Protein backbone atom coordinates (compact mmCIF):
# COMPACT_ATOMS: atom_id res chain seq x y z
CA MET A 1 44.95 2.68 -19.43
CA ILE A 2 42.42 1.82 -16.65
CA GLU A 3 39.81 -0.57 -17.54
CA VAL A 4 36.33 0.52 -16.26
CA LYS A 5 33.73 -2.28 -15.97
CA VAL A 6 30.37 -1.19 -16.37
CA ASN A 7 27.58 -3.26 -14.84
CA PRO A 8 24.02 -2.09 -15.77
CA TYR A 9 22.45 -3.88 -12.69
CA ARG A 10 24.64 -1.83 -10.25
CA ASP A 11 24.13 1.42 -12.06
CA LYS A 12 20.32 1.05 -11.86
CA LEU A 13 20.78 0.15 -8.26
CA GLU A 14 22.77 3.05 -7.52
CA SER A 15 20.61 5.23 -9.43
CA LEU A 16 17.47 4.38 -7.92
CA LEU A 17 18.74 4.59 -4.27
CA LYS A 18 20.25 8.05 -5.17
CA LYS A 19 16.72 8.92 -6.02
CA VAL A 20 14.89 7.78 -2.95
CA ARG A 21 17.77 7.59 -0.50
CA PRO A 22 20.33 10.15 -1.59
CA ARG A 23 22.28 10.03 1.83
CA LEU A 24 22.14 6.36 2.29
CA SER A 25 26.04 6.02 1.89
CA SER A 26 26.72 8.46 4.38
CA THR A 27 24.46 7.03 7.00
CA HIS A 28 25.13 3.48 6.56
CA ASN A 29 27.89 1.19 5.25
CA LEU A 30 26.54 0.70 1.63
CA GLU A 31 27.95 -2.00 -0.71
CA PHE A 32 27.20 -3.73 -3.81
CA LYS A 33 28.18 -7.28 -4.69
CA LYS A 34 27.68 -9.81 -7.46
CA CYS A 35 25.09 -12.36 -6.74
CA PHE A 36 24.03 -15.36 -8.88
CA GLY A 37 24.50 -12.91 -12.05
CA ALA A 38 22.64 -9.88 -10.58
CA VAL A 39 23.83 -7.47 -8.11
CA ALA A 40 22.73 -7.08 -4.56
CA GLY A 41 22.81 -4.23 -2.37
CA TYR A 42 24.16 -4.48 1.20
CA VAL A 43 23.51 -2.27 4.27
CA ASN A 44 25.92 -2.68 7.07
CA GLY A 45 26.76 -6.18 5.64
CA ASN A 46 23.16 -7.34 5.15
CA ILE A 47 21.41 -7.73 1.74
CA PHE A 48 18.24 -5.65 1.30
CA ILE A 49 17.90 -5.12 -2.41
CA SER A 50 18.93 -6.98 -5.79
CA CYS A 51 18.75 -6.20 -9.30
CA GLY A 52 19.09 -8.55 -12.29
CA LYS A 53 17.12 -9.75 -15.43
CA PHE A 54 14.26 -10.39 -13.27
CA GLY A 55 14.42 -6.53 -12.18
CA VAL A 56 14.57 -4.81 -8.91
CA ALA A 57 13.72 -7.00 -5.68
CA LEU A 58 13.53 -5.96 -2.14
CA LYS A 59 13.73 -8.12 1.13
CA LEU A 60 10.74 -7.03 3.07
CA PRO A 61 8.87 -8.50 6.29
CA PRO A 62 6.21 -11.10 5.62
CA GLU A 63 3.18 -8.39 6.20
CA ALA A 64 4.66 -6.12 3.58
CA LEU A 65 5.10 -9.04 1.06
CA ALA A 66 1.52 -10.18 1.86
CA MET A 67 0.20 -6.59 0.94
CA LEU A 68 2.47 -6.26 -2.09
CA PHE A 69 1.55 -9.84 -3.59
CA LYS A 70 -2.18 -8.48 -3.80
CA GLU A 71 -1.12 -6.01 -6.54
CA LYS A 72 -0.76 -6.59 -10.06
CA GLY A 73 2.90 -7.11 -11.53
CA LEU A 74 4.69 -8.25 -8.33
CA LYS A 75 6.33 -11.50 -8.25
CA PRO A 76 8.59 -13.53 -6.13
CA LEU A 77 12.25 -13.51 -6.64
CA LYS A 78 14.03 -16.63 -8.40
CA TYR A 79 17.69 -15.72 -9.62
CA PHE A 80 17.10 -18.54 -12.10
CA PRO A 81 14.07 -19.65 -14.10
CA ASN A 82 14.15 -23.22 -12.48
CA GLY A 83 15.73 -22.23 -9.24
CA HIS A 84 13.88 -21.84 -5.70
CA VAL A 85 11.93 -18.82 -4.82
CA LYS A 86 13.60 -16.39 -2.36
CA LYS A 87 10.58 -16.12 0.13
CA GLU A 88 11.54 -12.87 1.64
CA TYR A 89 11.63 -11.02 -1.48
CA ALA A 90 9.51 -9.23 -3.90
CA VAL A 91 10.39 -8.23 -7.33
CA LEU A 92 8.66 -4.80 -7.73
CA SER A 93 6.43 -3.80 -10.78
CA GLN A 94 7.49 -0.77 -13.11
CA HIS A 95 4.41 1.18 -11.39
CA ILE A 96 5.99 1.12 -7.88
CA LEU A 97 9.57 1.89 -9.25
CA ASN A 98 7.98 5.10 -10.99
CA GLU A 99 6.54 6.31 -7.51
CA PRO A 100 9.25 7.71 -5.57
CA ALA A 101 7.63 8.37 -2.48
CA ARG A 102 6.07 4.94 -2.20
CA LEU A 103 9.55 3.33 -3.17
CA LYS A 104 11.28 5.23 -0.55
CA LYS A 105 9.05 3.78 2.24
CA LEU A 106 9.63 0.15 0.74
CA VAL A 107 13.24 0.64 0.50
CA ASN A 108 13.12 1.98 4.22
CA LYS A 109 11.17 -0.96 5.38
CA SER A 110 13.77 -3.23 3.48
CA ILE A 111 16.74 -1.42 5.09
CA LYS A 112 14.91 -1.86 8.69
CA PHE A 113 13.94 -5.50 8.19
CA SER A 114 17.60 -6.54 6.75
CA GLN A 115 19.08 -5.22 9.83
CA LYS A 116 17.38 -7.76 12.32
């Protein structure tokens, strides 16, 4: 019998990306790897998204982060409660996760920024 390991963080990332970028895996090398108890999404070998107990976080350029952090419900990424802040990441609010068009723009921005 084949054992299938379920990872809710990976499942959440895959589901989210299928909604906003359904052809991402056919246009880029998309991978998911465990990262500090979470799951990170990589495009062409570069991390751009992460999902864990903290929620869903995107790697974004400073100007995008500055605009996002003006909104309620967003926070900086920390993999552990007493860990250091990952300065290039924002943990997205449920409000943003429920706005497919806006989320798609942020994912696209994250993918582009991660390739630099």
